[in-house]
């Protein structure tokens, strides 16, 4: 049996704008995903640690403060250090210029969603790209 896709949404650095990430979170919940929102002012280390502790399938970083290049690079570095770069889908969204978004995708961010992206597009991307985990059955035959 497949479990719900688990998504960690995070804000990093001093970016205090959270309306968009909260709306995305509600939309992903409506699409059937389990969403964990870390709140404001997280470090990349806090984000990756929480993602591992919560056994998430996706990290979604919302960034509006201009620090996306450094923040995304550090999150990718930490995921590699933990051996999770191929297990956790990493996406980012917010105000990210096109050219910088393309650079981030070349370095390992799976997708960049800009401020005009519809939530349905984000949900569809996640559903099509997450590596599904199977929930172990508690009622196996012969027990």
Protein backbone atom coordinates (compact mmCIF):
# COMPACT_ATOMS: atom_id res chain seq x y z
CA UNK A 1 0.00 0.00 0.00
CA UNK A 2 1.34 3.41 -0.95
CA UNK A 3 1.51 6.02 1.73
CA UNK A 4 0.67 9.68 1.23
CA UNK A 5 3.41 11.77 -0.27
CA UNK A 6 5.09 13.68 2.55
CA UNK A 7 6.19 17.23 1.72
CA UNK A 8 8.30 19.49 3.92
CA UNK A 9 7.77 23.17 3.11
CA UNK A 10 10.35 25.56 4.52
CA UNK A 11 11.41 29.17 4.66
CA UNK A 12 15.10 29.83 5.19
CA UNK A 13 17.21 32.75 6.22
CA UNK A 14 15.62 36.05 7.16
CA UNK A 15 12.78 35.82 4.64
CA UNK A 16 9.64 36.66 6.62
CA UNK A 17 7.08 36.39 3.82
CA UNK A 18 5.01 33.26 4.30
CA UNK A 19 1.61 33.81 2.72
CA UNK A 20 2.58 32.03 -0.51
CA UNK A 21 4.10 28.97 1.14
CA UNK A 22 1.05 28.60 3.38
CA UNK A 23 -1.26 28.72 0.34
CA UNK A 24 0.88 26.13 -1.46
CA UNK A 25 0.74 23.94 1.65
CA UNK A 26 -3.05 24.09 1.77
CA UNK A 27 -3.23 23.25 -1.93
CA UNK A 28 -0.92 20.27 -1.60
CA UNK A 29 -3.00 18.99 1.33
CA UNK A 30 -6.11 19.29 -0.82
CA UNK A 31 -4.26 17.26 -3.47
CA UNK A 32 -3.91 14.44 -0.93
CA UNK A 33 -0.39 15.04 0.34
CA UNK A 34 0.81 15.26 3.91
CA UNK A 35 2.44 18.66 4.44
CA UNK A 36 4.83 19.68 7.19
CA UNK A 37 5.58 23.41 7.38
CA UNK A 38 8.68 24.38 9.36
CA UNK A 39 7.80 28.05 9.76
CA UNK A 40 10.11 31.01 9.30
CA UNK A 41 13.85 31.58 9.73
CA UNK A 42 15.26 28.09 9.25
CA UNK A 43 18.82 27.24 8.34
CA UNK A 44 19.55 24.71 5.58
CA UNK A 45 20.84 22.40 8.32
CA UNK A 46 17.53 22.62 10.19
CA UNK A 47 15.58 21.95 6.99
CA UNK A 48 17.54 18.84 6.00
CA UNK A 49 17.56 17.49 9.57
CA UNK A 50 13.79 17.89 9.82
CA UNK A 51 13.29 16.32 6.39
CA UNK A 52 15.22 13.24 7.45
CA UNK A 53 13.53 13.01 10.85
CA UNK A 54 10.08 13.30 9.25
CA UNK A 55 10.95 10.83 6.45
CA UNK A 56 9.68 13.20 3.76
CA UNK A 57 9.61 12.58 0.05
CA UNK A 58 9.96 16.24 -0.93
CA UNK A 59 11.61 19.40 0.36
CA UNK A 60 10.02 22.57 -0.97
CA UNK A 61 11.96 25.76 -0.26
CA UNK A 62 10.08 29.03 -0.56
CA UNK A 63 12.36 31.98 -1.11
CA UNK A 64 11.58 35.63 -1.70
CA UNK A 65 14.65 37.26 -0.18
CA UNK A 66 17.28 36.75 -2.88
CA UNK A 67 19.32 34.14 -1.01
CA UNK A 68 18.15 31.23 -3.14
CA UNK A 69 21.50 30.45 -4.79
CA UNK A 70 23.34 29.97 -1.50
CA UNK A 71 20.41 28.33 0.32
CA UNK A 72 19.67 25.81 -2.43
CA UNK A 73 23.35 24.98 -2.87
CA UNK A 74 23.73 24.33 0.86
CA UNK A 75 20.60 22.16 1.04
CA UNK A 76 21.84 20.11 -1.92
CA UNK A 77 25.25 19.74 -0.25
CA UNK A 78 23.65 18.56 3.00
CA UNK A 79 21.38 16.09 1.19
CA UNK A 80 24.47 14.61 -0.50
CA UNK A 81 26.34 14.41 2.81
CA UNK A 82 23.39 12.46 4.26
CA UNK A 83 23.09 10.21 1.19
CA UNK A 84 19.56 11.48 0.52
CA UNK A 85 20.08 13.35 -2.77
CA UNK A 86 18.37 10.54 -4.71
CA UNK A 87 15.66 9.87 -2.11
CA UNK A 88 14.30 13.34 -1.39
CA UNK A 89 12.97 15.44 -4.25
CA UNK A 90 14.13 19.04 -3.81
CA UNK A 91 12.07 21.86 -5.34
CA UNK A 92 12.16 25.61 -4.82
CA UNK A 93 9.77 28.42 -5.48
CA UNK A 94 9.27 32.12 -5.17
CA UNK A 95 11.10 35.00 -6.74
CA UNK A 96 13.92 33.31 -8.62
CA UNK A 97 15.13 34.83 -11.91
CA UNK A 98 14.91 32.51 -14.93
CA UNK A 99 18.67 32.28 -15.50
CA UNK A 100 19.40 31.55 -11.84
CA UNK A 101 16.60 28.98 -11.78
CA UNK A 102 18.20 27.19 -14.72
CA UNK A 103 21.56 27.18 -12.93
CA UNK A 104 19.93 25.71 -9.82
CA UNK A 105 18.30 22.97 -11.88
CA UNK A 106 21.68 22.09 -13.41
CA UNK A 107 23.16 21.73 -9.91
CA UNK A 108 20.42 19.40 -8.61
CA UNK A 109 17.23 21.29 -7.75
CA UNK A 110 14.50 19.22 -9.42
CA UNK A 111 12.24 22.13 -10.39
CA UNK A 112 11.77 25.86 -9.85
CA UNK A 113 8.26 27.23 -9.43
CA UNK A 114 7.82 30.96 -9.84
CA UNK A 115 5.19 33.13 -8.19
CA UNK A 116 2.61 32.71 -10.99
CA UNK A 117 2.67 28.89 -10.92
CA UNK A 118 -0.65 27.18 -10.25
CA UNK A 119 -0.70 24.84 -7.26
CA UNK A 120 -2.07 22.06 -9.48
CA UNK A 121 1.15 22.24 -11.52
CA UNK A 122 3.26 21.87 -8.39
CA UNK A 123 1.17 18.92 -7.15
CA UNK A 124 1.34 17.23 -10.55
CA UNK A 125 5.12 17.64 -10.72
CA UNK A 126 5.51 16.15 -7.25
CA UNK A 127 3.20 13.21 -8.02
CA UNK A 128 5.06 12.47 -11.25
CA UNK A 129 8.57 12.76 -9.83
CA UNK A 130 8.56 11.52 -6.24
CA UNK A 131 9.90 8.05 -5.56
CA UNK A 132 6.93 6.40 -3.86
CA UNK A 133 7.55 4.61 -0.61
CA UNK A 134 5.46 1.63 0.35
CA UNK A 135 3.89 1.39 3.78
CA UNK A 136 4.67 -2.03 5.31
CA UNK A 137 1.62 -4.17 5.78
CA UNK A 138 0.75 -4.87 9.38
CA UNK A 139 -1.38 -7.86 8.48
CA UNK A 140 0.82 -10.24 6.51
CA UNK A 141 -0.37 -13.71 5.61
CA UNK A 142 0.75 -16.47 7.94
CA UNK A 143 0.85 -14.35 11.06
